[in-house]
PDB file of N, CA and C in Angstrom:
ATOM      1  N   UNK A   1      -3.751  16.771 -13.929  1.00  0.00           N
ATOM      2  CA  UNK A   1      -2.730  15.736 -13.808  1.00  0.00           C
ATOM      3  C   UNK A   1      -1.438  16.375 -13.320  1.00  0.00           C
ATOM      4  N   UNK A   2      -0.771  15.709 -12.394  1.00  0.00           N
ATOM      5  CA  UNK A   2       0.477  16.229 -11.843  1.00  0.00           C
ATOM      6  C   UNK A   2       1.625  16.030 -12.819  1.00  0.00           C
ATOM      7  N   UNK A   3       2.570  16.969 -12.784  1.00  0.00           N
ATOM      8  CA  UNK A   3       3.819  16.764 -13.507  1.00  0.00           C
ATOM      9  C   UNK A   3       4.803  16.080 -12.563  1.00  0.00           C
ATOM     10  N   UNK A   4       5.902  15.529 -13.096  1.00  0.00           N
ATOM     11  CA  UNK A   4       6.859  14.792 -12.263  1.00  0.00           C
ATOM     12  C   UNK A   4       7.373  15.598 -11.075  1.00  0.00           C
ATOM     13  N   UNK A   5       7.535  16.914 -11.239  1.00  0.00           N
ATOM     14  CA  UNK A   5       8.068  17.706 -10.132  1.00  0.00           C
ATOM     15  C   UNK A   5       7.030  17.969  -9.032  1.00  0.00           C
ATOM     16  N   UNK A   6       5.771  17.596  -9.256  1.00  0.00           N
ATOM     17  CA  UNK A   6       4.729  17.761  -8.240  1.00  0.00           C
ATOM     18  C   UNK A   6       4.491  16.493  -7.425  1.00  0.00           C
ATOM     19  N   UNK A   7       5.090  15.380  -7.813  1.00  0.00           N
ATOM     20  CA  UNK A   7       4.933  14.113  -7.107  1.00  0.00           C
ATOM     21  C   UNK A   7       5.974  13.993  -6.008  1.00  0.00           C
ATOM     22  N   UNK A   8       5.630  13.291  -4.971  1.00  0.00           N
ATOM     23  CA  UNK A   8       6.574  12.939  -3.923  1.00  0.00           C
ATOM     24  C   UNK A   8       7.034  11.513  -4.210  1.00  0.00           C
ATOM     25  N   UNK A   9       8.326  11.324  -4.474  1.00  0.00           N
ATOM     26  CA  UNK A   9       8.858  10.005  -4.783  1.00  0.00           C
ATOM     27  C   UNK A   9       9.770   9.531  -3.662  1.00  0.00           C
ATOM     28  N   UNK A  10       9.846   8.214  -3.499  1.00  0.00           N
ATOM     29  CA  UNK A  10      10.768   7.626  -2.544  1.00  0.00           C
ATOM     30  C   UNK A  10      11.436   6.429  -3.206  1.00  0.00           C
ATOM     31  N   UNK A  11      12.710   6.269  -2.894  1.00  0.00           N
ATOM     32  CA  UNK A  11      13.491   5.151  -3.429  1.00  0.00           C
ATOM     33  C   UNK A  11      13.763   4.158  -2.300  1.00  0.00           C
ATOM     34  N   UNK A  12      13.736   2.869  -2.636  1.00  0.00           N
ATOM     35  CA  UNK A  12      14.050   1.804  -1.684  1.00  0.00           C
ATOM     36  C   UNK A  12      15.088   0.895  -2.329  1.00  0.00           C
ATOM     37  N   UNK A  13      16.083   0.515  -1.547  1.00  0.00           N
ATOM     38  CA  UNK A  13      17.109  -0.411  -2.032  1.00  0.00           C
ATOM     39  C   UNK A  13      16.601  -1.840  -1.960  1.00  0.00           C
ATOM     40  N   UNK A  14      17.197  -2.719  -2.763  1.00  0.00           N
ATOM     41  CA  UNK A  14      16.860  -4.141  -2.714  1.00  0.00           C
ATOM     42  C   UNK A  14      16.972  -4.636  -1.271  1.00  0.00           C
ATOM     43  N   UNK A  15      15.938  -5.333  -0.803  1.00  0.00           N
ATOM     44  CA  UNK A  15      15.926  -5.871   0.545  1.00  0.00           C
ATOM     45  C   UNK A  15      15.446  -4.900   1.615  1.00  0.00           C
ATOM     46  N   UNK A  16      15.199  -3.656   1.245  1.00  0.00           N
ATOM     47  CA  UNK A  16      14.750  -2.659   2.227  1.00  0.00           C
ATOM     48  C   UNK A  16      13.264  -2.842   2.533  1.00  0.00           C
ATOM     49  N   UNK A  17      12.940  -2.796   3.836  1.00  0.00           N
ATOM     50  CA  UNK A  17      11.562  -2.925   4.276  1.00  0.00           C
ATOM     51  C   UNK A  17      10.836  -1.603   4.007  1.00  0.00           C
ATOM     52  N   UNK A  18       9.707  -1.682   3.336  1.00  0.00           N
ATOM     53  CA  UNK A  18       8.894  -0.492   3.046  1.00  0.00           C
ATOM     54  C   UNK A  18       7.943  -0.241   4.210  1.00  0.00           C
ATOM     55  N   UNK A  19       7.299  -1.309   4.672  1.00  0.00           N
ATOM     56  CA  UNK A  19       6.528  -1.259   5.917  1.00  0.00           C
ATOM     57  C   UNK A  19       6.378  -2.668   6.461  1.00  0.00           C
ATOM     58  N   UNK A  20       6.073  -2.737   7.765  1.00  0.00           N
ATOM     59  CA  UNK A  20       5.919  -4.016   8.463  1.00  0.00           C
ATOM     60  C   UNK A  20       4.479  -4.247   8.879  1.00  0.00           C
ATOM     61  N   UNK A  21       4.095  -5.526   8.934  1.00  0.00           N
ATOM     62  CA  UNK A  21       2.783  -5.882   9.458  1.00  0.00           C
ATOM     63  C   UNK A  21       2.654  -5.267  10.847  1.00  0.00           C
ATOM     64  N   UNK A  22       1.481  -4.719  11.139  1.00  0.00           N
ATOM     65  CA  UNK A  22       1.234  -4.114  12.442  1.00  0.00           C
ATOM     66  C   UNK A  22       1.540  -2.633  12.523  1.00  0.00           C
ATOM     67  N   UNK A  23       2.323  -2.111  11.551  1.00  0.00           N
ATOM     68  CA  UNK A  23       2.616  -0.670  11.545  1.00  0.00           C
ATOM     69  C   UNK A  23       1.340   0.131  11.304  1.00  0.00           C
ATOM     70  N   UNK A  24       1.320   1.350  11.823  1.00  0.00           N
ATOM     71  CA  UNK A  24       0.240   2.281  11.488  1.00  0.00           C
ATOM     72  C   UNK A  24       0.429   2.706  10.038  1.00  0.00           C
ATOM     73  N   UNK A  25      -0.664   2.911   9.344  1.00  0.00           N
ATOM     74  CA  UNK A  25      -0.582   3.326   7.945  1.00  0.00           C
ATOM     75  C   UNK A  25      -0.654   4.825   7.804  1.00  0.00           C
ATOM     76  N   UNK A  26       0.418   5.428   7.304  1.00  0.00           N
ATOM     77  CA  UNK A  26       0.395   6.868   7.078  1.00  0.00           C
ATOM     78  C   UNK A  26       0.723   7.233   5.635  1.00  0.00           C
ATOM     79  N   UNK A  27       1.102   6.228   4.825  1.00  0.00           N
ATOM     80  CA  UNK A  27       1.418   6.472   3.418  1.00  0.00           C
ATOM     81  C   UNK A  27       1.008   5.264   2.589  1.00  0.00           C
ATOM     82  N   UNK A  28       0.686   5.523   1.330  1.00  0.00           N
ATOM     83  CA  UNK A  28       0.450   4.473   0.337  1.00  0.00           C
ATOM     84  C   UNK A  28       1.394   4.769  -0.822  1.00  0.00           C
ATOM     85  N   UNK A  29       1.629   3.777  -1.653  1.00  0.00           N
ATOM     86  CA  UNK A  29       2.650   3.879  -2.693  1.00  0.00           C
ATOM     87  C   UNK A  29       2.141   3.341  -4.024  1.00  0.00           C
ATOM     88  N   UNK A  30       2.607   3.949  -5.110  1.00  0.00           N
ATOM     89  CA  UNK A  30       2.426   3.406  -6.445  1.00  0.00           C
ATOM     90  C   UNK A  30       3.823   3.169  -7.005  1.00  0.00           C
ATOM     91  N   UNK A  31       4.074   1.941  -7.446  1.00  0.00           N
ATOM     92  CA  UNK A  31       5.408   1.573  -7.926  1.00  0.00           C
ATOM     93  C   UNK A  31       5.651   2.152  -9.315  1.00  0.00           C
ATOM     94  N   UNK A  32       6.740   2.907  -9.429  1.00  0.00           N
ATOM     95  CA  UNK A  32       7.186   3.431 -10.736  1.00  0.00           C
ATOM     96  C   UNK A  32       8.115   2.439 -11.408  1.00  0.00           C
ATOM     97  N   UNK A  33       9.095   1.957 -10.661  1.00  0.00           N
ATOM     98  CA  UNK A  33      10.052   0.981 -11.186  1.00  0.00           C
ATOM     99  C   UNK A  33      10.377  -0.024 -10.088  1.00  0.00           C
ATOM    100  N   UNK A  34      10.751  -1.223 -10.484  1.00  0.00           N
ATOM    101  CA  UNK A  34      11.151  -2.245  -9.542  1.00  0.00           C
ATOM    102  C   UNK A  34      10.005  -3.151  -9.133  1.00  0.00           C
ATOM    103  N   UNK A  35      10.303  -4.037  -8.183  1.00  0.00           N
ATOM    104  CA  UNK A  35       9.318  -5.005  -7.698  1.00  0.00           C
ATOM    105  C   UNK A  35       9.326  -5.038  -6.180  1.00  0.00           C
ATOM    106  N   UNK A  36       8.155  -5.289  -5.613  1.00  0.00           N
ATOM    107  CA  UNK A  36       7.959  -5.335  -4.164  1.00  0.00           C
ATOM    108  C   UNK A  36       7.264  -6.643  -3.803  1.00  0.00           C
ATOM    109  N   UNK A  37       7.807  -7.344  -2.820  1.00  0.00           N
ATOM    110  CA  UNK A  37       7.169  -8.545  -2.300  1.00  0.00           C
ATOM    111  C   UNK A  37       6.267  -8.180  -1.130  1.00  0.00           C
ATOM    112  N   UNK A  38       5.057  -8.741  -1.136  1.00  0.00           N
ATOM    113  CA  UNK A  38       4.121  -8.597  -0.029  1.00  0.00           C
ATOM    114  C   UNK A  38       4.186  -9.899   0.763  1.00  0.00           C
ATOM    115  N   UNK A  39       4.462  -9.775   2.069  1.00  0.00           N
ATOM    116  CA  UNK A  39       4.670 -10.949   2.916  1.00  0.00           C
ATOM    117  C   UNK A  39       3.668 -10.997   4.062  1.00  0.00           C
ATOM    118  N   UNK A  40       3.229 -12.199   4.378  1.00  0.00           N
ATOM    119  CA  UNK A  40       2.422 -12.433   5.570  1.00  0.00           C
ATOM    120  C   UNK A  40       3.070 -13.569   6.336  1.00  0.00           C
ATOM    121  N   UNK A  41       2.766 -13.619   7.624  1.00  0.00           N
ATOM    122  CA  UNK A  41       3.322 -14.698   8.444  1.00  0.00           C
ATOM    123  C   UNK A  41       2.369 -15.877   8.432  1.00  0.00           C
ATOM    124  N   UNK A  42       2.905 -17.046   8.062  1.00  0.00           N
ATOM    125  CA  UNK A  42       2.137 -18.287   8.074  1.00  0.00           C
ATOM    126  C   UNK A  42       2.987 -19.347   8.747  1.00  0.00           C
ATOM    127  N   UNK A  43       2.423 -19.977   9.742  1.00  0.00           N
ATOM    128  CA  UNK A  43       3.125 -21.020  10.492  1.00  0.00           C
ATOM    129  C   UNK A  43       4.481 -20.542  10.999  1.00  0.00           C
ATOM    130  N   UNK A  44       4.528 -19.293  11.471  1.00  0.00           N
ATOM    131  CA  UNK A  44       5.746 -18.748  12.045  1.00  0.00           C
ATOM    132  C   UNK A  44       6.801 -18.308  11.051  1.00  0.00           C
ATOM    133  N   UNK A  45       6.498 -18.387   9.751  1.00  0.00           N
ATOM    134  CA  UNK A  45       7.461 -17.978   8.723  1.00  0.00           C
ATOM    135  C   UNK A  45       6.859 -16.909   7.822  1.00  0.00           C
ATOM    136  N   UNK A  46       7.724 -16.003   7.358  1.00  0.00           N
ATOM    137  CA  UNK A  46       7.298 -14.992   6.386  1.00  0.00           C
ATOM    138  C   UNK A  46       7.141 -15.659   5.022  1.00  0.00           C
ATOM    139  N   UNK A  47       5.991 -15.454   4.391  1.00  0.00           N
ATOM    140  CA  UNK A  47       5.715 -16.050   3.088  1.00  0.00           C
ATOM    141  C   UNK A  47       5.308 -14.965   2.104  1.00  0.00           C
ATOM    142  N   UNK A  48       5.905 -14.987   0.916  1.00  0.00           N
ATOM    143  CA  UNK A  48       5.538 -14.042  -0.140  1.00  0.00           C
ATOM    144  C   UNK A  48       4.187 -14.472  -0.705  1.00  0.00           C
ATOM    145  N   UNK A  49       3.207 -13.584  -0.609  1.00  0.00           N
ATOM    146  CA  UNK A  49       1.879 -13.894  -1.136  1.00  0.00           C
ATOM    147  C   UNK A  49       1.618 -13.214  -2.473  1.00  0.00           C
ATOM    148  N   UNK A  50       2.428 -12.189  -2.773  1.00  0.00           N
ATOM    149  CA  UNK A  50       2.257 -11.477  -4.034  1.00  0.00           C
ATOM    150  C   UNK A  50       3.512 -10.658  -4.303  1.00  0.00           C
ATOM    151  N   UNK A  51       3.839 -10.544  -5.580  1.00  0.00           N
ATOM    152  CA  UNK A  51       4.919  -9.652  -5.998  1.00  0.00           C
ATOM    153  C   UNK A  51       4.299  -8.579  -6.871  1.00  0.00           C
ATOM    154  N   UNK A  52       4.501  -7.321  -6.474  1.00  0.00           N
ATOM    155  CA  UNK A  52       3.932  -6.178  -7.180  1.00  0.00           C
ATOM    156  C   UNK A  52       4.997  -5.528  -8.054  1.00  0.00           C
ATOM    157  N   UNK A  53       4.563  -4.867  -9.132  1.00  0.00           N
ATOM    158  CA  UNK A  53       5.485  -4.240 -10.069  1.00  0.00           C
ATOM    159  C   UNK A  53       4.919  -2.894 -10.532  1.00  0.00           C
ATOM    160  N   UNK A  54       5.532  -2.329 -11.546  1.00  0.00           N
ATOM    161  CA  UNK A  54       5.185  -0.992 -12.050  1.00  0.00           C
ATOM    162  C   UNK A  54       3.677  -0.801 -12.176  1.00  0.00           C
ATOM    163  N   UNK A  55       3.196   0.298 -11.589  1.00  0.00           N
ATOM    164  CA  UNK A  55       1.787   0.657 -11.659  1.00  0.00           C
ATOM    165  C   UNK A  55       0.936   0.104 -10.530  1.00  0.00           C
ATOM    166  N   UNK A  56       1.479  -0.839  -9.750  1.00  0.00           N
ATOM    167  CA  UNK A  56       0.715  -1.415  -8.651  1.00  0.00           C
ATOM    168  C   UNK A  56       0.703  -0.490  -7.433  1.00  0.00           C
ATOM    169  N   UNK A  57      -0.399  -0.542  -6.702  1.00  0.00           N
ATOM    170  CA  UNK A  57      -0.643   0.270  -5.521  1.00  0.00           C
ATOM    171  C   UNK A  57      -0.421  -0.616  -4.296  1.00  0.00           C
ATOM    172  N   UNK A  58       0.244  -0.113  -3.269  1.00  0.00           N
ATOM    173  CA  UNK A  58       0.397  -0.872  -2.035  1.00  0.00           C
ATOM    174  C   UNK A  58       0.289   0.043  -0.829  1.00  0.00           C
ATOM    175  N   UNK A  59      -0.164  -0.544   0.277  1.00  0.00           N
ATOM    176  CA  UNK A  59      -0.259   0.197   1.527  1.00  0.00           C
ATOM    177  C   UNK A  59      -1.540   0.980   1.698  1.00  0.00           C
ATOM    178  N   UNK A  60      -2.474   0.818   0.780  1.00  0.00           N
ATOM    179  CA  UNK A  60      -3.687   1.637   0.804  1.00  0.00           C
ATOM    180  C   UNK A  60      -4.701   1.199   1.851  1.00  0.00           C
ATOM    181  N   UNK A  61      -4.756  -0.101   2.157  1.00  0.00           N
ATOM    182  CA  UNK A  61      -5.794  -0.585   3.074  1.00  0.00           C
ATOM    183  C   UNK A  61      -5.710   0.096   4.436  1.00  0.00           C
ATOM    184  N   UNK A  62      -4.517   0.214   4.969  1.00  0.00           N
ATOM    185  CA  UNK A  62      -4.351   0.812   6.295  1.00  0.00           C
ATOM    186  C   UNK A  62      -4.758   2.286   6.309  1.00  0.00           C
ATOM    187  N   UNK A  63      -4.663   2.946   5.165  1.00  0.00           N
ATOM    188  CA  UNK A  63      -5.076   4.340   5.100  1.00  0.00           C
ATOM    189  C   UNK A  63      -6.582   4.472   4.994  1.00  0.00           C
ATOM    190  N   UNK A  64      -7.209   3.546   4.292  1.00  0.00           N
ATOM    191  CA  UNK A  64      -8.652   3.615   4.084  1.00  0.00           C
ATOM    192  C   UNK A  64      -9.415   3.236   5.345  1.00  0.00           C
ATOM    193  N   UNK A  65      -8.997   2.133   6.000  1.00  0.00           N
ATOM    194  CA  UNK A  65      -9.781   1.679   7.155  1.00  0.00           C
ATOM    195  C   UNK A  65      -9.136   1.996   8.507  1.00  0.00           C
ATOM    196  N   UNK A  66      -7.970   2.643   8.488  1.00  0.00           N
ATOM    197  CA  UNK A  66      -7.276   3.087   9.693  1.00  0.00           C
ATOM    198  C   UNK A  66      -6.929   1.941  10.643  1.00  0.00           C
ATOM    199  N   UNK A  67      -6.756   0.748  10.106  1.00  0.00           N
ATOM    200  CA  UNK A  67      -6.305  -0.412  10.860  1.00  0.00           C
ATOM    201  C   UNK A  67      -4.803  -0.567  10.626  1.00  0.00           C
ATOM    202  N   UNK A  68      -4.103  -1.311  11.496  1.00  0.00           N
ATOM    203  CA  UNK A  68      -2.670  -1.537  11.272  1.00  0.00           C
ATOM    204  C   UNK A  68      -2.425  -2.298   9.963  1.00  0.00           C
ATOM    205  N   UNK A  69      -1.203  -2.195   9.463  1.00  0.00           N
ATOM    206  CA  UNK A  69      -0.829  -2.915   8.244  1.00  0.00           C
ATOM    207  C   UNK A  69      -1.108  -4.401   8.417  1.00  0.00           C
ATOM    208  N   UNK A  70      -1.689  -5.027   7.407  1.00  0.00           N
ATOM    209  CA  UNK A  70      -2.037  -6.447   7.473  1.00  0.00           C
ATOM    210  C   UNK A  70      -0.957  -7.335   6.871  1.00  0.00           C
ATOM    211  N   UNK A  71       0.066  -6.734   6.288  1.00  0.00           N
ATOM    212  CA  UNK A  71       1.164  -7.480   5.670  1.00  0.00           C
ATOM    213  C   UNK A  71       2.408  -6.603   5.715  1.00  0.00           C
ATOM    214  N   UNK A  72       3.536  -7.194   5.365  1.00  0.00           N
ATOM    215  CA  UNK A  72       4.790  -6.447   5.236  1.00  0.00           C
ATOM    216  C   UNK A  72       5.101  -6.292   3.760  1.00  0.00           C
ATOM    217  N   UNK A  73       5.875  -5.277   3.438  1.00  0.00           N
ATOM    218  CA  UNK A  73       6.294  -5.041   2.053  1.00  0.00           C
ATOM    219  C   UNK A  73       7.800  -4.811   2.046  1.00  0.00           C
ATOM    220  N   UNK A  74       8.502  -5.530   1.180  1.00  0.00           N
ATOM    221  CA  UNK A  74       9.952  -5.430   1.077  1.00  0.00           C
ATOM    222  C   UNK A  74      10.343  -5.299  -0.390  1.00  0.00           C
ATOM    223  N   UNK A  75      11.313  -4.438  -0.650  1.00  0.00           N
ATOM    224  CA  UNK A  75      11.770  -4.239  -2.027  1.00  0.00           C
ATOM    225  C   UNK A  75      12.496  -5.496  -2.506  1.00  0.00           C
ATOM    226  N   UNK A  76      11.977  -6.110  -3.550  1.00  0.00           N
ATOM    227  CA  UNK A  76      12.598  -7.307  -4.131  1.00  0.00           C
ATOM    228  C   UNK A  76      13.840  -6.920  -4.927  1.00  0.00           C
ATOM    229  N   UNK A  77      13.819  -5.681  -5.441  1.00  0.00           N
ATOM    230  CA  UNK A  77      14.935  -5.075  -6.172  1.00  0.00           C
ATOM    231  C   UNK A  77      14.829  -3.578  -5.924  1.00  0.00           C
ATOM    232  N   UNK A  78      15.733  -2.808  -6.456  1.00  0.00           N
ATOM    233  CA  UNK A  78      15.649  -1.356  -6.272  1.00  0.00           C
ATOM    234  C   UNK A  78      14.278  -0.873  -6.770  1.00  0.00           C
ATOM    235  N   UNK A  79      13.634  -0.035  -5.961  1.00  0.00           N
ATOM    236  CA  UNK A  79      12.262   0.386  -6.242  1.00  0.00           C
ATOM    237  C   UNK A  79      12.149   1.906  -6.140  1.00  0.00           C
ATOM    238  N   UNK A  80      11.379   2.490  -7.051  1.00  0.00           N
ATOM    239  CA  UNK A  80      10.997   3.893  -6.973  1.00  0.00           C
ATOM    240  C   UNK A  80       9.477   3.939  -6.911  1.00  0.00           C
ATOM    241  N   UNK A  81       8.960   4.680  -5.933  1.00  0.00           N
ATOM    242  CA  UNK A  81       7.514   4.764  -5.731  1.00  0.00           C
ATOM    243  C   UNK A  81       7.061   6.215  -5.626  1.00  0.00           C
ATOM    244  N   UNK A  82       5.872   6.476  -6.158  1.00  0.00           N
ATOM    245  CA  UNK A  82       5.169   7.715  -5.842  1.00  0.00           C
ATOM    246  C   UNK A  82       4.521   7.487  -4.479  1.00  0.00           C
ATOM    247  N   UNK A  83       4.602   8.480  -3.604  1.00  0.00           N
ATOM    248  CA  UNK A  83       4.110   8.348  -2.237  1.00  0.00           C
ATOM    249  C   UNK A  83       2.879   9.236  -2.052  1.00  0.00           C
ATOM    250  N   UNK A  84       1.849   8.661  -1.431  1.00  0.00           N
ATOM    251  CA  UNK A  84       0.621   9.398  -1.138  1.00  0.00           C
ATOM    252  C   UNK A  84       0.379   9.361   0.357  1.00  0.00           C
ATOM    253  N   UNK A  85       0.161  10.525   0.946  1.00  0.00           N
ATOM    254  CA  UNK A  85      -0.090  10.616   2.381  1.00  0.00           C
ATOM    255  C   UNK A  85      -1.528  10.219   2.700  1.00  0.00           C
ATOM    256  N   UNK A  86      -1.768   9.937   3.971  1.00  0.00           N
ATOM    257  CA  UNK A  86      -3.127   9.640   4.421  1.00  0.00           C
ATOM    258  C   UNK A  86      -4.051  10.806   4.097  1.00  0.00           C
ATOM    259  N   UNK A  87      -3.552  12.026   4.256  1.00  0.00           N
ATOM    260  CA  UNK A  87      -4.367  13.208   3.972  1.00  0.00           C
ATOM    261  C   UNK A  87      -4.771  13.255   2.500  1.00  0.00           C
ATOM    262  N   UNK A  88      -3.854  12.907   1.590  1.00  0.00           N
ATOM    263  CA  UNK A  88      -4.184  12.895   0.158  1.00  0.00           C
ATOM    264  C   UNK A  88      -5.237  11.830  -0.162  1.00  0.00           C
ATOM    265  N   UNK A  89      -5.088  10.650   0.433  1.00  0.00           N
ATOM    266  CA  UNK A  89      -6.066   9.580   0.212  1.00  0.00           C
ATOM    267  C   UNK A  89      -7.421   9.987   0.788  1.00  0.00           C
ATOM    268  N   UNK A  90      -7.424  10.513   2.000  1.00  0.00           N
ATOM    269  CA  UNK A  90      -8.677  10.964   2.618  1.00  0.00           C
ATOM    270  C   UNK A  90      -9.357  12.023   1.760  1.00  0.00           C
ATOM    271  N   UNK A  91      -8.584  12.985   1.285  1.00  0.00           N
ATOM    272  CA  UNK A  91      -9.142  14.066   0.454  1.00  0.00           C
ATOM    273  C   UNK A  91      -9.748  13.495  -0.833  1.00  0.00           C
ATOM    274  N   UNK A  92      -9.050  12.556  -1.467  1.00  0.00           N
ATOM    275  CA  UNK A  92      -9.561  11.951  -2.698  1.00  0.00           C
ATOM    276  C   UNK A  92     -10.867  11.202  -2.433  1.00  0.00           C
ATOM    277  N   UNK A  93     -10.927  10.462  -1.316  1.00  0.00           N
ATOM    278  CA  UNK A  93     -12.158   9.739  -0.985  1.00  0.00           C
ATOM    279  C   UNK A  93     -13.297  10.704  -0.642  1.00  0.00           C
ATOM    280  N   UNK A  94     -12.984  11.755   0.097  1.00  0.00           N
ATOM    281  CA  UNK A  94     -14.009  12.733   0.466  1.00  0.00           C
ATOM    282  C   UNK A  94     -14.564  13.447  -0.756  1.00  0.00           C
ATOM    283  N   UNK A  95     -13.724  13.634  -1.778  1.00  0.00           N
ATOM    284  CA  UNK A  95     -14.150  14.331  -2.992  1.00  0.00           C
ATOM    285  C   UNK A  95     -14.797  13.401  -4.011  1.00  0.00           C
ATOM    286  N   UNK A  96     -14.808  12.102  -3.730  1.00  0.00           N
ATOM    287  CA  UNK A  96     -15.434  11.159  -4.658  1.00  0.00           C
ATOM    288  C   UNK A  96     -16.933  11.121  -4.413  1.00  0.00           C
ATOM    289  N   UNK A  97     -17.638  10.519  -5.345  1.00  0.00           N
ATOM    290  CA  UNK A  97     -19.079  10.390  -5.143  1.00  0.00           C
ATOM    291  C   UNK A  97     -19.350   9.338  -4.062  1.00  0.00           C
ATOM    292  N   UNK A  98     -20.550   9.332  -3.541  1.00  0.00           N
ATOM    293  CA  UNK A  98     -20.908   8.456  -2.433  1.00  0.00           C
ATOM    294  C   UNK A  98     -20.734   6.983  -2.791  1.00  0.00           C
ATOM    295  N   UNK A  99     -21.078   6.588  -4.004  1.00  0.00           N
ATOM    296  CA  UNK A  99     -20.949   5.196  -4.414  1.00  0.00           C
ATOM    297  C   UNK A  99     -19.489   4.761  -4.398  1.00  0.00           C
ATOM    298  N   UNK A 100     -18.601   5.561  -4.959  1.00  0.00           N
ATOM    299  CA  UNK A 100     -17.174   5.227  -4.973  1.00  0.00           C
ATOM    300  C   UNK A 100     -16.635   5.125  -3.555  1.00  0.00           C
ATOM    301  N   UNK A 101     -16.975   6.085  -2.732  1.00  0.00           N
ATOM    302  CA  UNK A 101     -16.533   6.091  -1.337  1.00  0.00           C
ATOM    303  C   UNK A 101     -17.000   4.817  -0.620  1.00  0.00           C
ATOM    304  N   UNK A 102     -18.280   4.489  -0.753  1.00  0.00           N
ATOM    305  CA  UNK A 102     -18.836   3.312  -0.083  1.00  0.00           C
ATOM    306  C   UNK A 102     -18.197   2.028  -0.600  1.00  0.00           C
ATOM    307  N   UNK A 103     -17.973   1.924  -1.909  1.00  0.00           N
ATOM    308  CA  UNK A 103     -17.348   0.732  -2.483  1.00  0.00           C
ATOM    309  C   UNK A 103     -15.919   0.548  -2.003  1.00  0.00           C
ATOM    310  N   UNK A 104     -15.148   1.618  -1.960  1.00  0.00           N
ATOM    311  CA  UNK A 104     -13.767   1.515  -1.486  1.00  0.00           C
ATOM    312  C   UNK A 104     -13.741   1.042  -0.038  1.00  0.00           C
ATOM    313  N   UNK A 105     -14.571   1.616   0.797  1.00  0.00           N
ATOM    314  CA  UNK A 105     -14.630   1.218   2.207  1.00  0.00           C
ATOM    315  C   UNK A 105     -15.059  -0.251   2.346  1.00  0.00           C
ATOM    316  N   UNK A 106     -16.085  -0.655   1.605  1.00  0.00           N
ATOM    317  CA  UNK A 106     -16.588  -2.020   1.685  1.00  0.00           C
ATOM    318  C   UNK A 106     -15.553  -3.023   1.178  1.00  0.00           C
ATOM    319  N   UNK A 107     -14.940  -2.749   0.037  1.00  0.00           N
ATOM    320  CA  UNK A 107     -13.959  -3.680  -0.521  1.00  0.00           C
ATOM    321  C   UNK A 107     -12.732  -3.803   0.378  1.00  0.00           C
ATOM    322  N   UNK A 108     -12.325  -2.715   0.986  1.00  0.00           N
ATOM    323  CA  UNK A 108     -11.199  -2.764   1.920  1.00  0.00           C
ATOM    324  C   UNK A 108     -11.546  -3.638   3.117  1.00  0.00           C
ATOM    325  N   UNK A 109     -12.739  -3.467   3.659  1.00  0.00           N
ATOM    326  CA  UNK A 109     -13.181  -4.281   4.800  1.00  0.00           C
ATOM    327  C   UNK A 109     -13.213  -5.757   4.427  1.00  0.00           C
ATOM    328  N   UNK A 110     -13.762  -6.077   3.261  1.00  0.00           N
ATOM    329  CA  UNK A 110     -13.853  -7.478   2.835  1.00  0.00           C
ATOM    330  C   UNK A 110     -12.477  -8.072   2.555  1.00  0.00           C
ATOM    331  N   UNK A 111     -11.597  -7.293   1.942  1.00  0.00           N
ATOM    332  CA  UNK A 111     -10.255  -7.787   1.652  1.00  0.00           C
ATOM    333  C   UNK A 111      -9.485  -8.063   2.939  1.00  0.00           C
ATOM    334  N   UNK A 112      -9.587  -7.148   3.890  1.00  0.00           N
ATOM    335  CA  UNK A 112      -8.895  -7.350   5.169  1.00  0.00           C
ATOM    336  C   UNK A 112      -9.421  -8.618   5.861  1.00  0.00           C
ATOM    337  N   UNK A 113     -10.745  -8.813   5.845  1.00  0.00           N
ATOM    338  CA  UNK A 113     -11.328  -9.999   6.471  1.00  0.00           C
ATOM    339  C   UNK A 113     -10.874 -11.271   5.747  1.00  0.00           C
ATOM    340  N   UNK A 114     -10.831 -11.232   4.425  1.00  0.00           N
ATOM    341  CA  UNK A 114     -10.448 -12.417   3.645  1.00  0.00           C
ATOM    342  C   UNK A 114      -8.985 -12.776   3.822  1.00  0.00           C
ATOM    343  N   UNK A 115      -8.133 -11.789   4.101  1.00  0.00           N
ATOM    344  CA  UNK A 115      -6.696 -12.047   4.206  1.00  0.00           C
ATOM    345  C   UNK A 115      -6.213 -12.148   5.644  1.00  0.00           C
ATOM    346  N   UNK A 116      -7.138 -11.996   6.604  1.00  0.00           N
ATOM    347  CA  UNK A 116      -6.743 -12.094   8.021  1.00  0.00           C
ATOM    348  C   UNK A 116      -6.258 -13.506   8.314  1.00  0.00           C
ATOM    349  N   UNK A 117      -5.138 -13.554   9.047  1.00  0.00           N
ATOM    350  CA  UNK A 117      -4.559 -14.858   9.344  1.00  0.00           C
ATOM    351  C   UNK A 117      -4.886 -15.398  10.646  1.00  0.00           C
TER     352      UNK A 117
END
């Protein structure tokens, strides 16, 4: 288990964009403090589809399936996140057992298909 000084953290101010729909995915985040709104475009308007809070993971789909971001994420309030690089996610998946690896890939594919607009 990592100690706090071994984690890479990033802070976002209220209203700051964490990532935009269509961006390439190079990082995923786990929220330590604060809240993040996940937005998708519906009928030409940005709509909040989910609000994430402490302990929630975001940005992982683009790292797992190497597709562009399927939604935008904006800090609803000041946010602190642990940051994971694509290399860290890839390494964790490569070191997992075959069943875990296959399930993560399959669930990501199904989630992306279900949320495609």
